Amino acid sequence: MGKKLYCGNLTYNTCNADLERLFGEYGVVREAQVIVDRDTGRSKGFGFIEMESDEDAHAAIAGLNEFVQDGRPLIVNEAKPRENRSGGSRSFSGGGRRY
């Protein structure tokens, strides 16, 4: 199973192919995705990369974290699982008092 990485501080014109090319220097890239705003289609300045192996992922982190690309130091680390955005198990529904 591959290792998913986070890459932040990207320029807003970085595309998926740019990420794939950059991380491909450190191993096999399974997938590279720049996250874009749903409404504007503009990059949010970060993305996720899935590397073929843990070794490839560690090499990419070592080689690219704080690497300056287009004048910006990249932030590269292991991606963390997405947290539940519901804010807990409470559910609210309309209800009101019954008379």
PDB file of N, CA and C in Angstrom:
ATOM      1  N   MET A   1       0.840  -1.186   0.000  1.00  0.00           N
ATOM      2  CA  MET A   1       0.000   0.000   0.000  1.00  0.00           C
ATOM      3  C   MET A   1       0.880   1.243   0.000  1.00  0.00           C
ATOM      4  N   GLY A   2       0.470   2.245  -0.731  1.00  0.00           N
ATOM      5  CA  GLY A   2       1.244   3.474  -0.831  1.00  0.00           C
ATOM      6  C   GLY A   2       1.053   4.375   0.367  1.00  0.00           C
ATOM      7  N   LYS A   3       1.784   5.448   0.361  1.00  0.00           N
ATOM      8  CA  LYS A   3       1.739   6.420   1.454  1.00  0.00           C
ATOM      9  C   LYS A   3       1.244   7.739   0.894  1.00  0.00           C
ATOM     10  N   LYS A   4       0.272   8.337   1.559  1.00  0.00           N
ATOM     11  CA  LYS A   4      -0.280   9.608   1.104  1.00  0.00           C
ATOM     12  C   LYS A   4       0.452  10.756   1.792  1.00  0.00           C
ATOM     13  N   LEU A   5       0.840  11.742   0.980  1.00  0.00           N
ATOM     14  CA  LEU A   5       1.566  12.901   1.476  1.00  0.00           C
ATOM     15  C   LEU A   5       0.748  14.170   1.274  1.00  0.00           C
ATOM     16  N   TYR A   6       1.006  15.135   2.134  1.00  0.00           N
ATOM     17  CA  TYR A   6       0.440  16.473   2.017  1.00  0.00           C
ATOM     18  C   TYR A   6       1.544  17.390   1.505  1.00  0.00           C
ATOM     19  N   CYS A   7       1.214  18.276   0.589  1.00  0.00           N
ATOM     20  CA  CYS A   7       2.167  19.279   0.116  1.00  0.00           C
ATOM     21  C   CYS A   7       1.476  20.633   0.156  1.00  0.00           C
ATOM     22  N   GLY A   8       2.016  21.532   0.978  1.00  0.00           N
ATOM     23  CA  GLY A   8       1.418  22.850   1.132  1.00  0.00           C
ATOM     24  C   GLY A   8       2.347  23.964   0.692  1.00  0.00           C
ATOM     25  N   ASN A   9       1.800  25.163   0.667  1.00  0.00           N
ATOM     26  CA  ASN A   9       2.494  26.383   0.255  1.00  0.00           C
ATOM     27  C   ASN A   9       2.818  26.383  -1.241  1.00  0.00           C
ATOM     28  N   LEU A  10       1.944  25.740  -2.012  1.00  0.00           N
ATOM     29  CA  LEU A  10       2.102  25.720  -3.470  1.00  0.00           C
ATOM     30  C   LEU A  10       1.664  27.058  -4.053  1.00  0.00           C
ATOM     31  N   THR A  11       2.246  27.420  -5.184  1.00  0.00           N
ATOM     32  CA  THR A  11       1.752  28.600  -5.888  1.00  0.00           C
ATOM     33  C   THR A  11       0.374  28.255  -6.448  1.00  0.00           C
ATOM     34  N   TYR A  12      -0.429  29.269  -6.693  1.00  0.00           N
ATOM     35  CA  TYR A  12      -1.794  29.023  -7.148  1.00  0.00           C
ATOM     36  C   TYR A  12      -1.876  28.541  -8.591  1.00  0.00           C
ATOM     37  N   ASN A  13      -0.762  28.575  -9.314  1.00  0.00           N
ATOM     38  CA  ASN A  13      -0.785  28.064 -10.689  1.00  0.00           C
ATOM     39  C   ASN A  13      -0.189  26.664 -10.793  1.00  0.00           C
ATOM     40  N   THR A  14       0.121  26.024  -9.664  1.00  0.00           N
ATOM     41  CA  THR A  14       0.620  24.644  -9.687  1.00  0.00           C
ATOM     42  C   THR A  14      -0.533  23.713 -10.052  1.00  0.00           C
ATOM     43  N   CYS A  15      -0.275  22.777 -10.964  1.00  0.00           N
ATOM     44  CA  CYS A  15      -1.314  21.833 -11.379  1.00  0.00           C
ATOM     45  C   CYS A  15      -0.916  20.403 -10.997  1.00  0.00           C
ATOM     46  N   ASN A  16      -1.831  19.471 -11.216  1.00  0.00           N
ATOM     47  CA  ASN A  16      -1.583  18.064 -10.889  1.00  0.00           C
ATOM     48  C   ASN A  16      -0.321  17.538 -11.565  1.00  0.00           C
ATOM     49  N   ALA A  17      -0.130  17.874 -12.832  1.00  0.00           N
ATOM     50  CA  ALA A  17       1.041  17.393 -13.577  1.00  0.00           C
ATOM     51  C   ALA A  17       2.339  17.922 -12.966  1.00  0.00           C
ATOM     52  N   ASP A  18       2.320  19.161 -12.476  1.00  0.00           N
ATOM     53  CA  ASP A  18       3.507  19.723 -11.821  1.00  0.00           C
ATOM     54  C   ASP A  18       3.864  18.920 -10.576  1.00  0.00           C
ATOM     55  N   LEU A  19       2.855  18.595  -9.770  1.00  0.00           N
ATOM     56  CA  LEU A  19       3.092  17.800  -8.558  1.00  0.00           C
ATOM     57  C   LEU A  19       3.629  16.421  -8.913  1.00  0.00           C
ATOM     58  N   GLU A  20       3.018  15.804  -9.913  1.00  0.00           N
ATOM     59  CA  GLU A  20       3.449  14.462 -10.321  1.00  0.00           C
ATOM     60  C   GLU A  20       4.900  14.477 -10.799  1.00  0.00           C
ATOM     61  N   ARG A  21       5.252  15.491 -11.556  1.00  0.00           N
ATOM     62  CA  ARG A  21       6.620  15.620 -12.061  1.00  0.00           C
ATOM     63  C   ARG A  21       7.608  15.835 -10.907  1.00  0.00           C
ATOM     64  N   LEU A  22       7.270  16.728  -9.990  1.00  0.00           N
ATOM     65  CA  LEU A  22       8.134  17.063  -8.863  1.00  0.00           C
ATOM     66  C   LEU A  22       8.363  15.855  -7.949  1.00  0.00           C
ATOM     67  N   PHE A  23       7.288  15.184  -7.564  1.00  0.00           N
ATOM     68  CA  PHE A  23       7.402  14.046  -6.654  1.00  0.00           C
ATOM     69  C   PHE A  23       7.917  12.799  -7.364  1.00  0.00           C
ATOM     70  N   GLY A  24       7.741  12.742  -8.681  1.00  0.00           N
ATOM     71  CA  GLY A  24       8.229  11.610  -9.461  1.00  0.00           C
ATOM     72  C   GLY A  24       9.741  11.470  -9.440  1.00  0.00           C
ATOM     73  N   GLU A  25      10.436  12.531  -9.084  1.00  0.00           N
ATOM     74  CA  GLU A  25      11.896  12.457  -8.962  1.00  0.00           C
ATOM     75  C   GLU A  25      12.324  11.610  -7.769  1.00  0.00           C
ATOM     76  N   TYR A  26      11.381  11.302  -6.880  1.00  0.00           N
ATOM     77  CA  TYR A  26      11.703  10.557  -5.658  1.00  0.00           C
ATOM     78  C   TYR A  26      11.087   9.169  -5.625  1.00  0.00           C
ATOM     79  N   GLY A  27      10.367   8.794  -6.664  1.00  0.00           N
ATOM     80  CA  GLY A  27       9.773   7.464  -6.720  1.00  0.00           C
ATOM     81  C   GLY A  27       8.532   7.465  -7.591  1.00  0.00           C
ATOM     82  N   VAL A  28       7.781   6.384  -7.493  1.00  0.00           N
ATOM     83  CA  VAL A  28       6.593   6.216  -8.320  1.00  0.00           C
ATOM     84  C   VAL A  28       5.408   6.929  -7.668  1.00  0.00           C
ATOM     85  N   VAL A  29       4.771   7.811  -8.430  1.00  0.00           N
ATOM     86  CA  VAL A  29       3.600   8.548  -7.961  1.00  0.00           C
ATOM     87  C   VAL A  29       2.353   7.824  -8.458  1.00  0.00           C
ATOM     88  N   ARG A  30       1.514   7.389  -7.537  1.00  0.00           N
ATOM     89  CA  ARG A  30       0.244   6.759  -7.917  1.00  0.00           C
ATOM     90  C   ARG A  30      -0.795   7.801  -8.312  1.00  0.00           C
ATOM     91  N   GLU A  31      -0.822   8.894  -7.542  1.00  0.00           N
ATOM     92  CA  GLU A  31      -1.800   9.951  -7.810  1.00  0.00           C
ATOM     93  C   GLU A  31      -1.279  11.265  -7.250  1.00  0.00           C
ATOM     94  N   ALA A  32      -1.544  12.347  -7.952  1.00  0.00           N
ATOM     95  CA  ALA A  32      -1.185  13.687  -7.483  1.00  0.00           C
ATOM     96  C   ALA A  32      -2.372  14.598  -7.749  1.00  0.00           C
ATOM     97  N   GLN A  33      -2.824  15.293  -6.708  1.00  0.00           N
ATOM     98  CA  GLN A  33      -4.009  16.129  -6.857  1.00  0.00           C
ATOM     99  C   GLN A  33      -3.841  17.448  -6.119  1.00  0.00           C
ATOM    100  N   VAL A  34      -3.944  18.537  -6.863  1.00  0.00           N
ATOM    101  CA  VAL A  34      -3.982  19.872  -6.272  1.00  0.00           C
ATOM    102  C   VAL A  34      -5.443  20.131  -5.905  1.00  0.00           C
ATOM    103  N   ILE A  35      -5.674  20.586  -4.690  1.00  0.00           N
ATOM    104  CA  ILE A  35      -7.036  20.846  -4.234  1.00  0.00           C
ATOM    105  C   ILE A  35      -7.476  22.221  -4.729  1.00  0.00           C
ATOM    106  N   VAL A  36      -8.661  22.257  -5.335  1.00  0.00           N
ATOM    107  CA  VAL A  36      -9.178  23.503  -5.902  1.00  0.00           C
ATOM    108  C   VAL A  36     -10.500  23.888  -5.242  1.00  0.00           C
ATOM    109  N   ASP A  37     -10.765  25.168  -5.234  1.00  0.00           N
ATOM    110  CA  ASP A  37     -12.019  25.688  -4.712  1.00  0.00           C
ATOM    111  C   ASP A  37     -13.155  25.265  -5.641  1.00  0.00           C
ATOM    112  N   ARG A  38     -14.218  24.733  -5.078  1.00  0.00           N
ATOM    113  CA  ARG A  38     -15.340  24.256  -5.891  1.00  0.00           C
ATOM    114  C   ARG A  38     -16.002  25.367  -6.698  1.00  0.00           C
ATOM    115  N   ASP A  39     -16.093  26.527  -6.106  1.00  0.00           N
ATOM    116  CA  ASP A  39     -16.791  27.625  -6.776  1.00  0.00           C
ATOM    117  C   ASP A  39     -15.947  28.314  -7.837  1.00  0.00           C
ATOM    118  N   THR A  40     -14.687  28.584  -7.516  1.00  0.00           N
ATOM    119  CA  THR A  40     -13.847  29.360  -8.435  1.00  0.00           C
ATOM    120  C   THR A  40     -12.970  28.497  -9.333  1.00  0.00           C
ATOM    121  N   GLY A  41     -12.715  27.246  -8.927  1.00  0.00           N
ATOM    122  CA  GLY A  41     -11.811  26.389  -9.686  1.00  0.00           C
ATOM    123  C   GLY A  41     -10.351  26.738  -9.471  1.00  0.00           C
ATOM    124  N   ARG A  42     -10.088  27.682  -8.577  1.00  0.00           N
ATOM    125  CA  ARG A  42      -8.715  28.128  -8.297  1.00  0.00           C
ATOM    126  C   ARG A  42      -8.076  27.231  -7.245  1.00  0.00           C
ATOM    127  N   SER A  43      -6.782  26.996  -7.397  1.00  0.00           N
ATOM    128  CA  SER A  43      -6.034  26.188  -6.436  1.00  0.00           C
ATOM    129  C   SER A  43      -6.137  26.788  -5.044  1.00  0.00           C
ATOM    130  N   LYS A  44      -6.197  25.919  -4.037  1.00  0.00           N
ATOM    131  CA  LYS A  44      -6.194  26.377  -2.644  1.00  0.00           C
ATOM    132  C   LYS A  44      -4.774  26.428  -2.087  1.00  0.00           C
ATOM    133  N   GLY A  45      -3.778  26.081  -2.913  1.00  0.00           N
ATOM    134  CA  GLY A  45      -2.389  26.195  -2.482  1.00  0.00           C
ATOM    135  C   GLY A  45      -1.849  24.961  -1.784  1.00  0.00           C
ATOM    136  N   PHE A  46      -2.574  23.854  -1.870  1.00  0.00           N
ATOM    137  CA  PHE A  46      -2.065  22.605  -1.308  1.00  0.00           C
ATOM    138  C   PHE A  46      -2.597  21.432  -2.111  1.00  0.00           C
ATOM    139  N   GLY A  47      -1.995  20.275  -1.883  1.00  0.00           N
ATOM    140  CA  GLY A  47      -2.415  19.088  -2.606  1.00  0.00           C
ATOM    141  C   GLY A  47      -1.996  17.829  -1.881  1.00  0.00           C
ATOM    142  N   PHE A  48      -2.389  16.698  -2.450  1.00  0.00           N
ATOM    143  CA  PHE A  48      -2.068  15.396  -1.888  1.00  0.00           C
ATOM    144  C   PHE A  48      -1.436  14.529  -2.961  1.00  0.00           C
ATOM    145  N   ILE A  49      -0.470  13.750  -2.541  1.00  0.00           N
ATOM    146  CA  ILE A  49       0.267  12.884  -3.449  1.00  0.00           C
ATOM    147  C   ILE A  49       0.305  11.502  -2.832  1.00  0.00           C
ATOM    148  N   GLU A  50      -0.025  10.486  -3.615  1.00  0.00           N
ATOM    149  CA  GLU A  50       0.109   9.114  -3.125  1.00  0.00           C
ATOM    150  C   GLU A  50       1.309   8.486  -3.810  1.00  0.00           C
ATOM    151  N   MET A  51       2.276   8.089  -2.993  1.00  0.00           N
ATOM    152  CA  MET A  51       3.490   7.458  -3.499  1.00  0.00           C
ATOM    153  C   MET A  51       3.312   5.940  -3.476  1.00  0.00           C
ATOM    154  N   GLU A  52       4.036   5.256  -4.344  1.00  0.00           N
ATOM    155  CA  GLU A  52       3.946   3.798  -4.476  1.00  0.00           C
ATOM    156  C   GLU A  52       4.352   3.074  -3.195  1.00  0.00           C
ATOM    157  N   SER A  53       5.392   3.549  -2.527  1.00  0.00           N
ATOM    158  CA  SER A  53       5.893   2.835  -1.345  1.00  0.00           C
ATOM    159  C   SER A  53       6.239   3.813  -0.229  1.00  0.00           C
ATOM    160  N   ASP A  54       6.387   3.268   0.967  1.00  0.00           N
ATOM    161  CA  ASP A  54       6.811   4.085   2.107  1.00  0.00           C
ATOM    162  C   ASP A  54       8.195   4.677   1.860  1.00  0.00           C
ATOM    163  N   GLU A  55       9.068   3.893   1.233  1.00  0.00           N
ATOM    164  CA  GLU A  55      10.429   4.369   0.952  1.00  0.00           C
ATOM    165  C   GLU A  55      10.395   5.581   0.021  1.00  0.00           C
ATOM    166  N   ASP A  56       9.565   5.504  -1.024  1.00  0.00           N
ATOM    167  CA  ASP A  56       9.423   6.633  -1.948  1.00  0.00           C
ATOM    168  C   ASP A  56       8.885   7.862  -1.212  1.00  0.00           C
ATOM    169  N   ALA A  57       7.913   7.633  -0.326  1.00  0.00           N
ATOM    170  CA  ALA A  57       7.311   8.736   0.423  1.00  0.00           C
ATOM    171  C   ALA A  57       8.339   9.401   1.331  1.00  0.00           C
ATOM    172  N   HIS A  58       9.117   8.599   2.044  1.00  0.00           N
ATOM    173  CA  HIS A  58      10.129   9.161   2.939  1.00  0.00           C
ATOM    174  C   HIS A  58      11.201   9.923   2.156  1.00  0.00           C
ATOM    175  N   ALA A  59      11.563   9.408   0.985  1.00  0.00           N
ATOM    176  CA  ALA A  59      12.544  10.100   0.141  1.00  0.00           C
ATOM    177  C   ALA A  59      11.990  11.450  -0.322  1.00  0.00           C
ATOM    178  N   ALA A  60      10.705  11.480  -0.681  1.00  0.00           N
ATOM    179  CA  ALA A  60      10.084  12.728  -1.131  1.00  0.00           C
ATOM    180  C   ALA A  60      10.011  13.748   0.005  1.00  0.00           C
ATOM    181  N   ILE A  61       9.662  13.288   1.204  1.00  0.00           N
ATOM    182  CA  ILE A  61       9.609  14.200   2.354  1.00  0.00           C
ATOM    183  C   ILE A  61      10.997  14.778   2.617  1.00  0.00           C
ATOM    184  N   ALA A  62      12.005  13.904   2.637  1.00  0.00           N
ATOM    185  CA  ALA A  62      13.379  14.349   2.906  1.00  0.00           C
ATOM    186  C   ALA A  62      13.869  15.322   1.835  1.00  0.00           C
ATOM    187  N   GLY A  63      13.510  15.072   0.590  1.00  0.00           N
ATOM    188  CA  GLY A  63      14.006  15.901  -0.499  1.00  0.00           C
ATOM    189  C   GLY A  63      13.221  17.169  -0.767  1.00  0.00           C
ATOM    190  N   LEU A  64      11.924  17.170  -0.418  1.00  0.00           N
ATOM    191  CA  LEU A  64      11.083  18.299  -0.825  1.00  0.00           C
ATOM    192  C   LEU A  64      10.574  19.184   0.309  1.00  0.00           C
ATOM    193  N   ASN A  65      10.583  18.698   1.547  1.00  0.00           N
ATOM    194  CA  ASN A  65      10.130  19.562   2.639  1.00  0.00           C
ATOM    195  C   ASN A  65      11.095  20.740   2.764  1.00  0.00           C
ATOM    196  N   GLU A  66      10.556  21.940   2.715  1.00  0.00           N
ATOM    197  CA  GLU A  66      11.309  23.200   2.740  1.00  0.00           C
ATOM    198  C   GLU A  66      12.066  23.480   1.439  1.00  0.00           C
ATOM    199  N   PHE A  67      11.858  22.648   0.413  1.00  0.00           N
ATOM    200  CA  PHE A  67      12.423  22.909  -0.912  1.00  0.00           C
ATOM    201  C   PHE A  67      11.728  24.153  -1.475  1.00  0.00           C
ATOM    202  N   VAL A  68      12.504  25.098  -1.982  1.00  0.00           N
ATOM    203  CA  VAL A  68      11.924  26.338  -2.499  1.00  0.00           C
ATOM    204  C   VAL A  68      11.559  26.152  -3.969  1.00  0.00           C
ATOM    205  N   GLN A  69      10.261  26.291  -4.248  1.00  0.00           N
ATOM    206  CA  GLN A  69       9.763  26.198  -5.620  1.00  0.00           C
ATOM    207  C   GLN A  69       9.020  27.494  -5.926  1.00  0.00           C
ATOM    208  N   ASP A  70       9.403  28.134  -7.001  1.00  0.00           N
ATOM    209  CA  ASP A  70       8.798  29.416  -7.400  1.00  0.00           C
ATOM    210  C   ASP A  70       8.816  30.424  -6.249  1.00  0.00           C
ATOM    211  N   GLY A  71       9.927  30.440  -5.500  1.00  0.00           N
ATOM    212  CA  GLY A  71      10.092  31.401  -4.418  1.00  0.00           C
ATOM    213  C   GLY A  71       9.386  31.054  -3.120  1.00  0.00           C
ATOM    214  N   ARG A  72       8.791  29.863  -3.036  1.00  0.00           N
ATOM    215  CA  ARG A  72       8.039  29.476  -1.839  1.00  0.00           C
ATOM    216  C   ARG A  72       8.570  28.163  -1.278  1.00  0.00           C
ATOM    217  N   PRO A  73       8.853  28.109   0.024  1.00  0.00           N
ATOM    218  CA  PRO A  73       9.304  26.846   0.625  1.00  0.00           C
ATOM    219  C   PRO A  73       8.120  25.891   0.797  1.00  0.00           C
ATOM    220  N   LEU A  74       8.221  24.721   0.199  1.00  0.00           N
ATOM    221  CA  LEU A  74       7.142  23.739   0.289  1.00  0.00           C
ATOM    222  C   LEU A  74       7.077  23.135   1.686  1.00  0.00           C
ATOM    223  N   ILE A  75       5.891  22.738   2.073  1.00  0.00           N
ATOM    224  CA  ILE A  75       5.677  21.989   3.309  1.00  0.00           C
ATOM    225  C   ILE A  75       5.224  20.602   2.874  1.00  0.00           C
ATOM    226  N   VAL A  76       6.041  19.594   3.164  1.00  0.00           N
ATOM    227  CA  VAL A  76       5.721  18.229   2.754  1.00  0.00           C
ATOM    228  C   VAL A  76       5.795  17.327   3.975  1.00  0.00           C
ATOM    229  N   ASN A  77       4.701  16.613   4.235  1.00  0.00           N
ATOM    230  CA  ASN A  77       4.684  15.639   5.318  1.00  0.00           C
ATOM    231  C   ASN A  77       3.630  14.576   5.046  1.00  0.00           C
ATOM    232  N   GLU A  78       3.553  13.594   5.938  1.00  0.00           N
ATOM    233  CA  GLU A  78       2.544  12.552   5.775  1.00  0.00           C
ATOM    234  C   GLU A  78       1.170  13.175   5.961  1.00  0.00           C
ATOM    235  N   ALA A  79       0.250  12.808   5.085  1.00  0.00           N
ATOM    236  CA  ALA A  79      -1.113  13.321   5.198  1.00  0.00           C
ATOM    237  C   ALA A  79      -1.774  12.707   6.424  1.00  0.00           C
ATOM    238  N   LYS A  80      -2.562  13.506   7.100  1.00  0.00           N
ATOM    239  CA  LYS A  80      -3.279  13.019   8.270  1.00  0.00           C
ATOM    240  C   LYS A  80      -4.705  12.681   7.853  1.00  0.00           C
ATOM    241  N   PRO A  81      -5.293  11.671   8.476  1.00  0.00           N
ATOM    242  CA  PRO A  81      -6.681  11.332   8.122  1.00  0.00           C
ATOM    243  C   PRO A  81      -7.601  12.520   8.368  1.00  0.00           C
ATOM    244  N   ARG A  82      -8.580  12.650   7.521  1.00  0.00           N
ATOM    245  CA  ARG A  82      -9.522  13.756   7.641  1.00  0.00           C
ATOM    246  C   ARG A  82     -10.365  13.576   8.897  1.00  0.00           C
ATOM    247  N   GLU A  83     -10.504  14.650   9.653  1.00  0.00           N
ATOM    248  CA  GLU A  83     -11.313  14.583  10.869  1.00  0.00           C
ATOM    249  C   GLU A  83     -12.783  14.715  10.511  1.00  0.00           C
ATOM    250  N   ASN A  84     -13.608  14.115  11.353  1.00  0.00           N
ATOM    251  CA  ASN A  84     -15.047  14.215  11.168  1.00  0.00           C
ATOM    252  C   ASN A  84     -15.467  15.670  11.356  1.00  0.00           C
ATOM    253  N   ARG A  85     -16.130  16.241  10.371  1.00  0.00           N
ATOM    254  CA  ARG A  85     -16.487  17.651  10.436  1.00  0.00           C
ATOM    255  C   ARG A  85     -17.867  17.874  11.039  1.00  0.00           C
ATOM    256  N   SER A  86     -18.532  16.833  11.520  1.00  0.00           N
ATOM    257  CA  SER A  86     -19.882  17.014  12.043  1.00  0.00           C
ATOM    258  C   SER A  86     -19.883  17.669  13.413  1.00  0.00           C
ATOM    259  N   GLY A  87     -18.750  17.652  14.120  1.00  0.00           N
ATOM    260  CA  GLY A  87     -18.684  18.320  15.404  1.00  0.00           C
ATOM    261  C   GLY A  87     -19.280  17.516  16.536  1.00  0.00           C
ATOM    262  N   GLY A  88     -19.383  16.233  16.395  1.00  0.00           N
ATOM    263  CA  GLY A  88     -19.907  15.411  17.469  1.00  0.00           C
ATOM    264  C   GLY A  88     -21.071  14.577  17.009  1.00  0.00           C
ATOM    265  N   SER A  89     -21.642  13.871  17.946  1.00  0.00           N
ATOM    266  CA  SER A  89     -22.706  12.953  17.571  1.00  0.00           C
ATOM    267  C   SER A  89     -24.091  13.539  17.812  1.00  0.00           C
ATOM    268  N   ARG A  90     -24.166  14.778  18.240  1.00  0.00           N
ATOM    269  CA  ARG A  90     -25.476  15.391  18.450  1.00  0.00           C
ATOM    270  C   ARG A  90     -26.159  15.629  17.116  1.00  0.00           C
ATOM    271  N   SER A  91     -27.420  15.381  17.110  1.00  0.00           N
ATOM    272  CA  SER A  91     -28.148  15.753  15.903  1.00  0.00           C
ATOM    273  C   SER A  91     -29.249  16.712  16.316  1.00  0.00           C
ATOM    274  N   PHE A  92     -29.426  17.702  15.541  1.00  0.00           N
ATOM    275  CA  PHE A  92     -30.448  18.689  15.842  1.00  0.00           C
ATOM    276  C   PHE A  92     -31.544  18.554  14.803  1.00  0.00           C
ATOM    277  N   SER A  93     -32.729  18.599  15.271  1.00  0.00           N
ATOM    278  CA  SER A  93     -33.832  18.573  14.327  1.00  0.00           C
ATOM    279  C   SER A  93     -34.827  19.644  14.730  1.00  0.00           C
ATOM    280  N   GLY A  94     -35.688  20.012  13.864  1.00  0.00           N
ATOM    281  CA  GLY A  94     -36.665  21.052  14.071  1.00  0.00           C
ATOM    282  C   GLY A  94     -37.554  20.845  15.268  1.00  0.00           C
ATOM    283  N   GLY A  95     -38.135  20.236  15.686  1.00  0.00           N
ATOM    284  CA  GLY A  95     -38.992  19.949  16.799  1.00  0.00           C
ATOM    285  C   GLY A  95     -39.384  21.163  17.581  1.00  0.00           C
ATOM    286  N   GLY A  96     -39.936  21.454  18.335  1.00  0.00           N
ATOM    287  CA  GLY A  96     -40.383  22.521  19.179  1.00  0.00           C
ATOM    288  C   GLY A  96     -41.270  21.897  20.205  1.00  0.00           C
ATOM    289  N   ARG A  97     -41.872  22.728  20.953  1.00  0.00           N
ATOM    290  CA  ARG A  97     -42.756  22.201  22.001  1.00  0.00           C
ATOM    291  C   ARG A  97     -44.079  21.777  21.406  1.00  0.00           C
ATOM    292  N   ARG A  98     -44.619  20.732  21.967  1.00  0.00           N
ATOM    293  CA  ARG A  98     -45.970  20.313  21.574  1.00  0.00           C
ATOM    294  C   ARG A  98     -46.924  20.780  22.650  1.00  0.00           C
ATOM    295  N   TYR A  99     -48.060  21.279  22.251  1.00  0.00           N
ATOM    296  CA  TYR A  99     -49.030  21.773  23.232  1.00  0.00           C
ATOM    297  C   TYR A  99     -50.227  20.891  23.252  1.00  0.00           C
TER     298      TYR A  99
END
